[in-house]
Amino acid sequence: PTLNTDWWNYGGITRDVKLIETPSTYIQDYVIQLDPGNKDLIKGYIK
């Protein structure tokens, strides 16, 4: 957001920090959802 807001500007590392270990080739992304046009079809991708 810009200069002017209506909430407190809390600073810092405000959420969790973690180390994540993966194999050299790993699952980077995926979508697993119901097809909006067919309620009997699960659709998506894996990358």
ModelCIF file with pLDDT and N, C-alpha, C, O atoms, coordinates in Angstrom:
data_MODEL
#
_entry.id   MODEL 
#
_entity.id                         1 
_entity.type                       polymer 
_entity.pdbx_number_of_molecules   1 
#
_entity_poly.entity_id                      1 
_entity_poly.type                           'polypeptide(L)' 
_entity_poly.nstd_linkage                   no 
_entity_poly.nstd_monomer                   no 
_entity_poly.pdbx_seq_one_letter_code       PTLNTDWWNYGGITRDVKLIETPSTYIQDYVIQLDPGNKDLIKGYIK 
_entity_poly.pdbx_seq_one_letter_code_can   PTLNTDWWNYGGITRDVKLIETPSTYIQDYVIQLDPGNKDLIKGYIK 
_entity_poly.pdbx_strand_id                 A 
#
loop_
_entity_poly_seq.entity_id 
_entity_poly_seq.num 
_entity_poly_seq.mon_id 
_entity_poly_seq.hetero 
1 1  PRO n 
1 2  THR n 
1 3  LEU n 
1 4  ASN n 
1 5  THR n 
1 6  ASP n 
1 7  TRP n 
1 8  TRP n 
1 9  ASN n 
1 10 TYR n 
1 11 GLY n 
1 12 GLY n 
1 13 ILE n 
1 14 THR n 
1 15 ARG n 
1 16 ASP n 
1 17 VAL n 
1 18 LYS n 
1 19 LEU n 
1 20 ILE n 
1 21 GLU n 
1 22 THR n 
1 23 PRO n 
1 24 SER n 
1 25 THR n 
1 26 TYR n 
1 27 ILE n 
1 28 GLN n 
1 29 ASP n 
1 30 TYR n 
1 31 VAL n 
1 32 ILE n 
1 33 GLN n 
1 34 LEU n 
1 35 ASP n 
1 36 PRO n 
1 37 GLY n 
1 38 ASN n 
1 39 LYS n 
1 40 ASP n 
1 41 LEU n 
1 42 ILE n 
1 43 LYS n 
1 44 GLY n 
1 45 TYR n 
1 46 ILE n 
1 47 LYS n 
#
_struct_asym.id          A 
_struct_asym.entity_id   1 
#
loop_
_ma_qa_metric.id 
_ma_qa_metric.mode 
_ma_qa_metric.name 
_ma_qa_metric.software_group_id 
_ma_qa_metric.type 
1 global pLDDT . pLDDT 
2 local  pLDDT . pLDDT 
#
_ma_qa_metric_global.metric_id      1 
_ma_qa_metric_global.metric_value   97.17 
_ma_qa_metric_global.model_id       1 
_ma_qa_metric_global.ordinal_id     1 
#
loop_
_ma_qa_metric_local.label_asym_id 
_ma_qa_metric_local.label_comp_id 
_ma_qa_metric_local.label_seq_id 
_ma_qa_metric_local.metric_id 
_ma_qa_metric_local.metric_value 
_ma_qa_metric_local.model_id 
_ma_qa_metric_local.ordinal_id 
A PRO 1  2 98.00 1 1  
A THR 2  2 96.00 1 2  
A LEU 3  2 96.00 1 3  
A ASN 4  2 95.00 1 4  
A THR 5  2 96.00 1 5  
A ASP 6  2 96.00 1 6  
A TRP 7  2 97.00 1 7  
A TRP 8  2 97.00 1 8  
A ASN 9  2 98.00 1 9  
A TYR 10 2 98.00 1 10 
A GLY 11 2 98.00 1 11 
A GLY 12 2 98.00 1 12 
A ILE 13 2 98.00 1 13 
A THR 14 2 98.00 1 14 
A ARG 15 2 98.00 1 15 
A ASP 16 2 98.00 1 16 
A VAL 17 2 98.00 1 17 
A LYS 18 2 98.00 1 18 
A LEU 19 2 98.00 1 19 
A ILE 20 2 98.00 1 20 
A GLU 21 2 98.00 1 21 
A THR 22 2 98.00 1 22 
A PRO 23 2 98.00 1 23 
A SER 24 2 97.00 1 24 
A THR 25 2 98.00 1 25 
A TYR 26 2 98.00 1 26 
A ILE 27 2 98.00 1 27 
A GLN 28 2 97.00 1 28 
A ASP 29 2 98.00 1 29 
A TYR 30 2 98.00 1 30 
A VAL 31 2 98.00 1 31 
A ILE 32 2 98.00 1 32 
A GLN 33 2 96.00 1 33 
A LEU 34 2 97.00 1 34 
A ASP 35 2 96.00 1 35 
A PRO 36 2 94.00 1 36 
A GLY 37 2 93.00 1 37 
A ASN 38 2 95.00 1 38 
A LYS 39 2 95.00 1 39 
A ASP 40 2 96.00 1 40 
A LEU 41 2 98.00 1 41 
A ILE 42 2 98.00 1 42 
A LYS 43 2 97.00 1 43 
A GLY 44 2 97.00 1 44 
A TYR 45 2 98.00 1 45 
A ILE 46 2 98.00 1 46 
A LYS 47 2 98.00 1 47 
#
loop_
_atom_site.group_PDB 
_atom_site.id 
_atom_site.type_symbol 
_atom_site.label_atom_id 
_atom_site.label_alt_id 
_atom_site.label_comp_id 
_atom_site.label_asym_id 
_atom_site.label_entity_id 
_atom_site.label_seq_id 
_atom_site.pdbx_PDB_ins_code 
_atom_site.Cartn_x 
_atom_site.Cartn_y 
_atom_site.Cartn_z 
_atom_site.occupancy 
_atom_site.B_iso_or_equiv 
_atom_site.pdbx_formal_charge 
_atom_site.auth_seq_id 
_atom_site.auth_comp_id 
_atom_site.auth_asym_id 
_atom_site.auth_atom_id 
_atom_site.pdbx_PDB_model_num 
ATOM 1   N N  . PRO A 1 1  ? 0.827   -1.209  0.000   1.00 98.00 ? 1  PRO A N  1 
ATOM 2   C CA . PRO A 1 1  ? 0.000   0.000   0.000   1.00 98.00 ? 1  PRO A CA 1 
ATOM 3   C C  . PRO A 1 1  ? 0.860   1.258   0.000   1.00 98.00 ? 1  PRO A C  1 
ATOM 4   O O  . PRO A 1 1  ? 2.078   1.199   0.165   1.00 98.00 ? 1  PRO A O  1 
ATOM 5   N N  . THR A 1 2  ? 0.204   2.382   -0.187  1.00 96.00 ? 2  THR A N  1 
ATOM 6   C CA . THR A 1 2  ? 0.899   3.658   -0.317  1.00 96.00 ? 2  THR A CA 1 
ATOM 7   C C  . THR A 1 2  ? 1.055   4.318   1.054   1.00 96.00 ? 2  THR A C  1 
ATOM 8   O O  . THR A 1 2  ? 0.930   3.653   2.083   1.00 96.00 ? 2  THR A O  1 
ATOM 9   N N  . LEU A 1 3  ? 1.328   5.624   1.068   1.00 96.00 ? 3  LEU A N  1 
ATOM 10  C CA . LEU A 1 3  ? 1.594   6.336   2.320   1.00 96.00 ? 3  LEU A CA 1 
ATOM 11  C C  . LEU A 1 3  ? 0.430   6.306   3.295   1.00 96.00 ? 3  LEU A C  1 
ATOM 12  O O  . LEU A 1 3  ? 0.620   6.135   4.499   1.00 96.00 ? 3  LEU A O  1 
ATOM 13  N N  . ASN A 1 4  ? -0.778  6.472   2.767   1.00 95.00 ? 4  ASN A N  1 
ATOM 14  C CA . ASN A 1 4  ? -1.944  6.726   3.613   1.00 95.00 ? 4  ASN A CA 1 
ATOM 15  C C  . ASN A 1 4  ? -2.818  5.490   3.733   1.00 95.00 ? 4  ASN A C  1 
ATOM 16  O O  . ASN A 1 4  ? -3.410  5.050   2.747   1.00 95.00 ? 4  ASN A O  1 
ATOM 17  N N  . THR A 1 5  ? -2.903  4.929   4.924   1.00 96.00 ? 5  THR A N  1 
ATOM 18  C CA . THR A 1 5  ? -3.810  3.814   5.189   1.00 96.00 ? 5  THR A CA 1 
ATOM 19  C C  . THR A 1 5  ? -4.521  4.064   6.516   1.00 96.00 ? 5  THR A C  1 
ATOM 20  O O  . THR A 1 5  ? -4.309  5.089   7.165   1.00 96.00 ? 5  THR A O  1 
ATOM 21  N N  . ASP A 1 6  ? -5.354  3.129   6.903   1.00 96.00 ? 6  ASP A N  1 
ATOM 22  C CA . ASP A 1 6  ? -6.096  3.250   8.167   1.00 96.00 ? 6  ASP A CA 1 
ATOM 23  C C  . ASP A 1 6  ? -5.831  2.015   9.029   1.00 96.00 ? 6  ASP A C  1 
ATOM 24  O O  . ASP A 1 6  ? -6.742  1.495   9.675   1.00 96.00 ? 6  ASP A O  1 
ATOM 25  N N  . TRP A 1 7  ? -4.580  1.549   9.036   1.00 97.00 ? 7  TRP A N  1 
ATOM 26  C CA . TRP A 1 7  ? -4.207  0.466   9.949   1.00 97.00 ? 7  TRP A CA 1 
ATOM 27  C C  . TRP A 1 7  ? -2.771  0.676   10.395  1.00 97.00 ? 7  TRP A C  1 
ATOM 28  O O  . TRP A 1 7  ? -2.031  1.456   9.796   1.00 97.00 ? 7  TRP A O  1 
ATOM 29  N N  . TRP A 1 8  ? -2.389  -0.015  11.436  1.00 97.00 ? 8  TRP A N  1 
ATOM 30  C CA . TRP A 1 8  ? -1.056  0.156   12.016  1.00 97.00 ? 8  TRP A CA 1 
ATOM 31  C C  . TRP A 1 8  ? -0.004  -0.452  11.113  1.00 97.00 ? 8  TRP A C  1 
ATOM 32  O O  . TRP A 1 8  ? -0.188  -1.538  10.563  1.00 97.00 ? 8  TRP A O  1 
ATOM 33  N N  . ASN A 1 9  ? 1.104   0.264   10.965  1.00 98.00 ? 9  ASN A N  1 
ATOM 34  C CA . ASN A 1 9  ? 2.189   -0.197  10.099  1.00 98.00 ? 9  ASN A CA 1 
ATOM 35  C C  . ASN A 1 9  ? 3.150   -1.076  10.914  1.00 98.00 ? 9  ASN A C  1 
ATOM 36  O O  . ASN A 1 9  ? 4.273   -0.678  11.226  1.00 98.00 ? 9  ASN A O  1 
ATOM 37  N N  . TYR A 1 10 ? 2.678   -2.268  11.244  1.00 98.00 ? 10 TYR A N  1 
ATOM 38  C CA . TYR A 1 10 ? 3.503   -3.184  12.033  1.00 98.00 ? 10 TYR A CA 1 
ATOM 39  C C  . TYR A 1 10 ? 4.730   -3.604  11.224  1.00 98.00 ? 10 TYR A C  1 
ATOM 40  O O  . TYR A 1 10 ? 4.600   -4.092  10.102  1.00 98.00 ? 10 TYR A O  1 
ATOM 41  N N  . GLY A 1 11 ? 5.910   -3.416  11.789  1.00 98.00 ? 11 GLY A N  1 
ATOM 42  C CA . GLY A 1 11 ? 7.143   -3.771  11.099  1.00 98.00 ? 11 GLY A CA 1 
ATOM 43  C C  . GLY A 1 11 ? 7.732   -5.053  11.639  1.00 98.00 ? 11 GLY A C  1 
ATOM 44  O O  . GLY A 1 11 ? 7.473   -5.442  12.777  1.00 98.00 ? 11 GLY A O  1 
ATOM 45  N N  . GLY A 1 12 ? 8.535   -5.710  10.803  1.00 98.00 ? 12 GLY A N  1 
ATOM 46  C CA . GLY A 1 12 ? 9.283   -6.861  11.289  1.00 98.00 ? 12 GLY A CA 1 
ATOM 47  C C  . GLY A 1 12 ? 9.049   -8.135  10.504  1.00 98.00 ? 12 GLY A C  1 
ATOM 48  O O  . GLY A 1 12 ? 8.358   -8.146  9.485   1.00 98.00 ? 12 GLY A O  1 
ATOM 49  N N  . ILE A 1 13 ? 9.640   -9.206  11.001  1.00 98.00 ? 13 ILE A N  1 
ATOM 50  C CA . ILE A 1 13 ? 9.401   -10.542 10.459  1.00 98.00 ? 13 ILE A CA 1 
ATOM 51  C C  . ILE A 1 13 ? 8.171   -11.060 11.188  1.00 98.00 ? 13 ILE A C  1 
ATOM 52  O O  . ILE A 1 13 ? 8.271   -11.649 12.264  1.00 98.00 ? 13 ILE A O  1 
ATOM 53  N N  . THR A 1 14 ? 7.022   -10.834 10.589  1.00 98.00 ? 14 THR A N  1 
ATOM 54  C CA . THR A 1 14 ? 5.755   -10.999 11.300  1.00 98.00 ? 14 THR A CA 1 
ATOM 55  C C  . THR A 1 14 ? 5.147   -12.393 11.160  1.00 98.00 ? 14 THR A C  1 
ATOM 56  O O  . THR A 1 14 ? 4.138   -12.699 11.796  1.00 98.00 ? 14 THR A O  1 
ATOM 57  N N  . ARG A 1 15 ? 5.759   -13.237 10.329  1.00 98.00 ? 15 ARG A N  1 
ATOM 58  C CA . ARG A 1 15 ? 5.228   -14.594 10.146  1.00 98.00 ? 15 ARG A CA 1 
ATOM 59  C C  . ARG A 1 15 ? 6.361   -15.619 10.213  1.00 98.00 ? 15 ARG A C  1 
ATOM 60  O O  . ARG A 1 15 ? 7.532   -15.259 10.335  1.00 98.00 ? 15 ARG A O  1 
ATOM 61  N N  . ASP A 1 16 ? 5.999   -16.886 10.132  1.00 98.00 ? 16 ASP A N  1 
ATOM 62  C CA . ASP A 1 16 ? 6.948   -17.970 10.344  1.00 98.00 ? 16 ASP A CA 1 
ATOM 63  C C  . ASP A 1 16 ? 8.133   -17.919 9.381   1.00 98.00 ? 16 ASP A C  1 
ATOM 64  O O  . ASP A 1 16 ? 8.008   -17.494 8.232   1.00 98.00 ? 16 ASP A O  1 
ATOM 65  N N  . VAL A 1 17 ? 9.282   -18.362 9.882   1.00 98.00 ? 17 VAL A N  1 
ATOM 66  C CA . VAL A 1 17 ? 10.480  -18.558 9.061   1.00 98.00 ? 17 VAL A CA 1 
ATOM 67  C C  . VAL A 1 17 ? 10.893  -20.014 9.211   1.00 98.00 ? 17 VAL A C  1 
ATOM 68  O O  . VAL A 1 17 ? 10.929  -20.543 10.322  1.00 98.00 ? 17 VAL A O  1 
ATOM 69  N N  . LYS A 1 18 ? 11.205  -20.660 8.096   1.00 98.00 ? 18 LYS A N  1 
ATOM 70  C CA . LYS A 1 18 ? 11.569  -22.076 8.162   1.00 98.00 ? 18 LYS A CA 1 
ATOM 71  C C  . LYS A 1 18 ? 12.554  -22.437 7.064   1.00 98.00 ? 18 LYS A C  1 
ATOM 72  O O  . LYS A 1 18 ? 12.649  -21.754 6.044   1.00 98.00 ? 18 LYS A O  1 
ATOM 73  N N  . LEU A 1 19 ? 13.281  -23.514 7.288   1.00 98.00 ? 19 LEU A N  1 
ATOM 74  C CA . LEU A 1 19 ? 14.136  -24.116 6.275   1.00 98.00 ? 19 LEU A CA 1 
ATOM 75  C C  . LEU A 1 19 ? 13.411  -25.327 5.707   1.00 98.00 ? 19 LEU A C  1 
ATOM 76  O O  . LEU A 1 19 ? 12.916  -26.172 6.452   1.00 98.00 ? 19 LEU A O  1 
ATOM 77  N N  . ILE A 1 20 ? 13.355  -25.403 4.389   1.00 98.00 ? 20 ILE A N  1 
ATOM 78  C CA . ILE A 1 20 ? 12.675  -26.508 3.721   1.00 98.00 ? 20 ILE A CA 1 
ATOM 79  C C  . ILE A 1 20 ? 13.686  -27.243 2.852   1.00 98.00 ? 20 ILE A C  1 
ATOM 80  O O  . ILE A 1 20 ? 14.343  -26.639 2.003   1.00 98.00 ? 20 ILE A O  1 
ATOM 81  N N  . GLU A 1 21 ? 13.807  -28.543 3.068   1.00 98.00 ? 21 GLU A N  1 
ATOM 82  C CA . GLU A 1 21 ? 14.748  -29.369 2.311   1.00 98.00 ? 21 GLU A CA 1 
ATOM 83  C C  . GLU A 1 21 ? 13.982  -30.220 1.304   1.00 98.00 ? 21 GLU A C  1 
ATOM 84  O O  . GLU A 1 21 ? 12.974  -30.841 1.641   1.00 98.00 ? 21 GLU A O  1 
ATOM 85  N N  . THR A 1 22 ? 14.472  -30.241 0.063   1.00 98.00 ? 22 THR A N  1 
ATOM 86  C CA . THR A 1 22 ? 13.819  -31.017 -0.996  1.00 98.00 ? 22 THR A CA 1 
ATOM 87  C C  . THR A 1 22 ? 14.856  -31.882 -1.696  1.00 98.00 ? 22 THR A C  1 
ATOM 88  O O  . THR A 1 22 ? 16.054  -31.633 -1.567  1.00 98.00 ? 22 THR A O  1 
ATOM 89  N N  . PRO A 1 23 ? 14.412  -32.897 -2.440  1.00 98.00 ? 23 PRO A N  1 
ATOM 90  C CA . PRO A 1 23 ? 15.335  -33.601 -3.335  1.00 98.00 ? 23 PRO A CA 1 
ATOM 91  C C  . PRO A 1 23 ? 15.856  -32.642 -4.407  1.00 98.00 ? 23 PRO A C  1 
ATOM 92  O O  . PRO A 1 23 ? 15.335  -31.537 -4.558  1.00 98.00 ? 23 PRO A O  1 
ATOM 93  N N  . SER A 1 24 ? 16.880  -33.063 -5.149  1.00 97.00 ? 24 SER A N  1 
ATOM 94  C CA . SER A 1 24 ? 17.461  -32.202 -6.179  1.00 97.00 ? 24 SER A CA 1 
ATOM 95  C C  . SER A 1 24 ? 16.441  -31.856 -7.259  1.00 97.00 ? 24 SER A C  1 
ATOM 96  O O  . SER A 1 24 ? 16.457  -30.748 -7.795  1.00 97.00 ? 24 SER A O  1 
ATOM 97  N N  . THR A 1 25 ? 15.557  -32.794 -7.581  1.00 98.00 ? 25 THR A N  1 
ATOM 98  C CA . THR A 1 25 ? 14.395  -32.519 -8.426  1.00 98.00 ? 25 THR A CA 1 
ATOM 99  C C  . THR A 1 25 ? 13.164  -32.642 -7.544  1.00 98.00 ? 25 THR A C  1 
ATOM 100 O O  . THR A 1 25 ? 12.954  -33.672 -6.903  1.00 98.00 ? 25 THR A O  1 
ATOM 101 N N  . TYR A 1 26 ? 12.352  -31.595 -7.512  1.00 98.00 ? 26 TYR A N  1 
ATOM 102 C CA . TYR A 1 26 ? 11.281  -31.551 -6.526  1.00 98.00 ? 26 TYR A CA 1 
ATOM 103 C C  . TYR A 1 26 ? 9.992   -31.012 -7.143  1.00 98.00 ? 26 TYR A C  1 
ATOM 104 O O  . TYR A 1 26 ? 9.995   -30.438 -8.232  1.00 98.00 ? 26 TYR A O  1 
ATOM 105 N N  . ILE A 1 27 ? 8.893   -31.211 -6.418  1.00 98.00 ? 27 ILE A N  1 
ATOM 106 C CA . ILE A 1 27 ? 7.590   -30.689 -6.826  1.00 98.00 ? 27 ILE A CA 1 
ATOM 107 C C  . ILE A 1 27 ? 7.557   -29.204 -6.455  1.00 98.00 ? 27 ILE A C  1 
ATOM 108 O O  . ILE A 1 27 ? 7.493   -28.841 -5.281  1.00 98.00 ? 27 ILE A O  1 
ATOM 109 N N  . GLN A 1 28 ? 7.602   -28.365 -7.479  1.00 97.00 ? 28 GLN A N  1 
ATOM 110 C CA . GLN A 1 28 ? 7.647   -26.925 -7.220  1.00 97.00 ? 28 GLN A CA 1 
ATOM 111 C C  . GLN A 1 28 ? 6.251   -26.307 -7.151  1.00 97.00 ? 28 GLN A C  1 
ATOM 112 O O  . GLN A 1 28 ? 6.025   -25.355 -6.403  1.00 97.00 ? 28 GLN A O  1 
ATOM 113 N N  . ASP A 1 29 ? 5.315   -26.851 -7.934  1.00 98.00 ? 29 ASP A N  1 
ATOM 114 C CA . ASP A 1 29 ? 4.012   -26.213 -8.033  1.00 98.00 ? 29 ASP A CA 1 
ATOM 115 C C  . ASP A 1 29 ? 2.970   -27.242 -8.447  1.00 98.00 ? 29 ASP A C  1 
ATOM 116 O O  . ASP A 1 29 ? 3.284   -28.226 -9.118  1.00 98.00 ? 29 ASP A O  1 
ATOM 117 N N  . TYR A 1 30 ? 1.741   -27.006 -8.044  1.00 98.00 ? 30 TYR A N  1 
ATOM 118 C CA . TYR A 1 30 ? 0.636   -27.830 -8.521  1.00 98.00 ? 30 TYR A CA 1 
ATOM 119 C C  . TYR A 1 30 ? -0.684  -27.129 -8.280  1.00 98.00 ? 30 TYR A C  1 
ATOM 120 O O  . TYR A 1 30 ? -0.808  -26.258 -7.418  1.00 98.00 ? 30 TYR A O  1 
ATOM 121 N N  . VAL A 1 31 ? -1.656  -27.530 -9.059  1.00 98.00 ? 31 VAL A N  1 
ATOM 122 C CA . VAL A 1 31 ? -3.053  -27.167 -8.839  1.00 98.00 ? 31 VAL A CA 1 
ATOM 123 C C  . VAL A 1 31 ? -3.861  -28.454 -8.899  1.00 98.00 ? 31 VAL A C  1 
ATOM 124 O O  . VAL A 1 31 ? -3.772  -29.208 -9.868  1.00 98.00 ? 31 VAL A O  1 
ATOM 125 N N  . ILE A 1 32 ? -4.641  -28.700 -7.868  1.00 98.00 ? 32 ILE A N  1 
ATOM 126 C CA . ILE A 1 32 ? -5.564  -29.839 -7.842  1.00 98.00 ? 32 ILE A CA 1 
ATOM 127 C C  . ILE A 1 32 ? -6.916  -29.275 -7.432  1.00 98.00 ? 32 ILE A C  1 
ATOM 128 O O  . ILE A 1 32 ? -7.127  -28.927 -6.271  1.00 98.00 ? 32 ILE A O  1 
ATOM 129 N N  . GLN A 1 33 ? -7.848  -29.185 -8.411  1.00 96.00 ? 33 GLN A N  1 
ATOM 130 C CA . GLN A 1 33 ? -9.142  -28.561 -8.153  1.00 96.00 ? 33 GLN A CA 1 
ATOM 131 C C  . GLN A 1 33 ? -10.230 -29.267 -8.923  1.00 96.00 ? 33 GLN A C  1 
ATOM 132 O O  . GLN A 1 33 ? -9.978  -30.078 -9.814  1.00 96.00 ? 33 GLN A O  1 
ATOM 133 N N  . LEU A 1 34 ? -11.447 -28.931 -8.551  1.00 97.00 ? 34 LEU A N  1 
ATOM 134 C CA . LEU A 1 34 ? -12.600 -29.395 -9.308  1.00 97.00 ? 34 LEU A CA 1 
ATOM 135 C C  . LEU A 1 34 ? -12.736 -28.548 -10.574 1.00 97.00 ? 34 LEU A C  1 
ATOM 136 O O  . LEU A 1 34 ? -12.607 -27.324 -10.528 1.00 97.00 ? 34 LEU A O  1 
ATOM 137 N N  . ASP A 1 35 ? -12.995 -29.198 -11.685 1.00 96.00 ? 35 ASP A N  1 
ATOM 138 C CA . ASP A 1 35 ? -13.242 -28.485 -12.936 1.00 96.00 ? 35 ASP A CA 1 
ATOM 139 C C  . ASP A 1 35 ? -14.519 -27.651 -12.780 1.00 96.00 ? 35 ASP A C  1 
ATOM 140 O O  . ASP A 1 35 ? -15.569 -28.212 -12.465 1.00 96.00 ? 35 ASP A O  1 
ATOM 141 N N  . PRO A 1 36 ? -14.462 -26.342 -12.987 1.00 94.00 ? 36 PRO A N  1 
ATOM 142 C CA . PRO A 1 36 ? -15.670 -25.512 -12.824 1.00 94.00 ? 36 PRO A CA 1 
ATOM 143 C C  . PRO A 1 36 ? -16.831 -25.958 -13.701 1.00 94.00 ? 36 PRO A C  1 
ATOM 144 O O  . PRO A 1 36 ? -17.990 -25.709 -13.369 1.00 94.00 ? 36 PRO A O  1 
ATOM 145 N N  . GLY A 1 37 ? -16.531 -26.613 -14.816 1.00 93.00 ? 37 GLY A N  1 
ATOM 146 C CA . GLY A 1 37 ? -17.588 -27.011 -15.731 1.00 93.00 ? 37 GLY A CA 1 
ATOM 147 C C  . GLY A 1 37 ? -18.030 -28.456 -15.602 1.00 93.00 ? 37 GLY A C  1 
ATOM 148 O O  . GLY A 1 37 ? -18.944 -28.890 -16.304 1.00 93.00 ? 37 GLY A O  1 
ATOM 149 N N  . ASN A 1 38 ? -17.387 -29.211 -14.706 1.00 95.00 ? 38 ASN A N  1 
ATOM 150 C CA . ASN A 1 38 ? -17.702 -30.637 -14.575 1.00 95.00 ? 38 ASN A CA 1 
ATOM 151 C C  . ASN A 1 38 ? -17.394 -31.083 -13.150 1.00 95.00 ? 38 ASN A C  1 
ATOM 152 O O  . ASN A 1 38 ? -16.230 -31.261 -12.790 1.00 95.00 ? 38 ASN A O  1 
ATOM 153 N N  . LYS A 1 39 ? -18.423 -31.261 -12.348 1.00 95.00 ? 39 LYS A N  1 
ATOM 154 C CA . LYS A 1 39 ? -18.236 -31.581 -10.932 1.00 95.00 ? 39 LYS A CA 1 
ATOM 155 C C  . LYS A 1 39 ? -17.761 -33.009 -10.698 1.00 95.00 ? 39 LYS A C  1 
ATOM 156 O O  . LYS A 1 39 ? -17.526 -33.402 -9.555  1.00 95.00 ? 39 LYS A O  1 
ATOM 157 N N  . ASP A 1 40 ? -17.617 -33.783 -11.756 1.00 96.00 ? 40 ASP A N  1 
ATOM 158 C CA . ASP A 1 40 ? -17.084 -35.141 -11.633 1.00 96.00 ? 40 ASP A CA 1 
ATOM 159 C C  . ASP A 1 40 ? -15.666 -35.242 -12.181 1.00 96.00 ? 40 ASP A C  1 
ATOM 160 O O  . ASP A 1 40 ? -15.165 -36.340 -12.426 1.00 96.00 ? 40 ASP A O  1 
ATOM 161 N N  . LEU A 1 41 ? -15.014 -34.082 -12.375 1.00 98.00 ? 41 LEU A N  1 
ATOM 162 C CA . LEU A 1 41 ? -13.671 -34.083 -12.940 1.00 98.00 ? 41 LEU A CA 1 
ATOM 163 C C  . LEU A 1 41 ? -12.730 -33.241 -12.082 1.00 98.00 ? 41 LEU A C  1 
ATOM 164 O O  . LEU A 1 41 ? -12.937 -32.041 -11.902 1.00 98.00 ? 41 LEU A O  1 
ATOM 165 N N  . ILE A 1 42 ? -11.702 -33.889 -11.560 1.00 98.00 ? 42 ILE A N  1 
ATOM 166 C CA . ILE A 1 42 ? -10.626 -33.192 -10.855 1.00 98.00 ? 42 ILE A CA 1 
ATOM 167 C C  . ILE A 1 42 ? -9.559  -32.841 -11.885 1.00 98.00 ? 42 ILE A C  1 
ATOM 168 O O  . ILE A 1 42 ? -9.132  -33.682 -12.676 1.00 98.00 ? 42 ILE A O  1 
ATOM 169 N N  . LYS A 1 43 ? -9.142  -31.584 -11.855 1.00 97.00 ? 43 LYS A N  1 
ATOM 170 C CA . LYS A 1 43 ? -8.302  -31.088 -12.934 1.00 97.00 ? 43 LYS A CA 1 
ATOM 171 C C  . LYS A 1 43 ? -7.185  -30.213 -12.378 1.00 97.00 ? 43 LYS A C  1 
ATOM 172 O O  . LYS A 1 43 ? -7.317  -29.641 -11.296 1.00 97.00 ? 43 LYS A O  1 
ATOM 173 N N  . GLY A 1 44 ? -6.087  -30.111 -13.119 1.00 97.00 ? 44 GLY A N  1 
ATOM 174 C CA . GLY A 1 44 ? -5.000  -29.243 -12.695 1.00 97.00 ? 44 GLY A CA 1 
ATOM 175 C C  . GLY A 1 44 ? -3.702  -29.582 -13.384 1.00 97.00 ? 44 GLY A C  1 
ATOM 176 O O  . GLY A 1 44 ? -3.695  -30.045 -14.525 1.00 97.00 ? 44 GLY A O  1 
ATOM 177 N N  . TYR A 1 45 ? -2.606  -29.351 -12.691 1.00 98.00 ? 45 TYR A N  1 
ATOM 178 C CA . TYR A 1 45 ? -1.285  -29.661 -13.225 1.00 98.00 ? 45 TYR A CA 1 
ATOM 179 C C  . TYR A 1 45 ? -0.307  -29.864 -12.082 1.00 98.00 ? 45 TYR A C  1 
ATOM 180 O O  . TYR A 1 45 ? -0.576  -29.490 -10.940 1.00 98.00 ? 45 TYR A O  1 
ATOM 181 N N  . ILE A 1 46 ? 0.828   -30.462 -12.406 1.00 98.00 ? 46 ILE A N  1 
ATOM 182 C CA . ILE A 1 46 ? 1.956   -30.592 -11.484 1.00 98.00 ? 46 ILE A CA 1 
ATOM 183 C C  . ILE A 1 46 ? 3.197   -30.131 -12.228 1.00 98.00 ? 46 ILE A C  1 
ATOM 184 O O  . ILE A 1 46 ? 3.364   -30.431 -13.410 1.00 98.00 ? 46 ILE A O  1 
ATOM 185 N N  . LYS A 1 47 ? 4.056   -29.413 -11.549 1.00 98.00 ? 47 LYS A N  1 
ATOM 186 C CA . LYS A 1 47 ? 5.278   -28.894 -12.162 1.00 98.00 ? 47 LYS A CA 1 
ATOM 187 C C  . LYS A 1 47 ? 6.476   -29.249 -11.301 1.00 98.00 ? 47 LYS A C  1 
ATOM 188 O O  . LYS A 1 47 ? 7.606   -28.902 -11.643 1.00 98.00 ? 47 LYS A O  1 
#
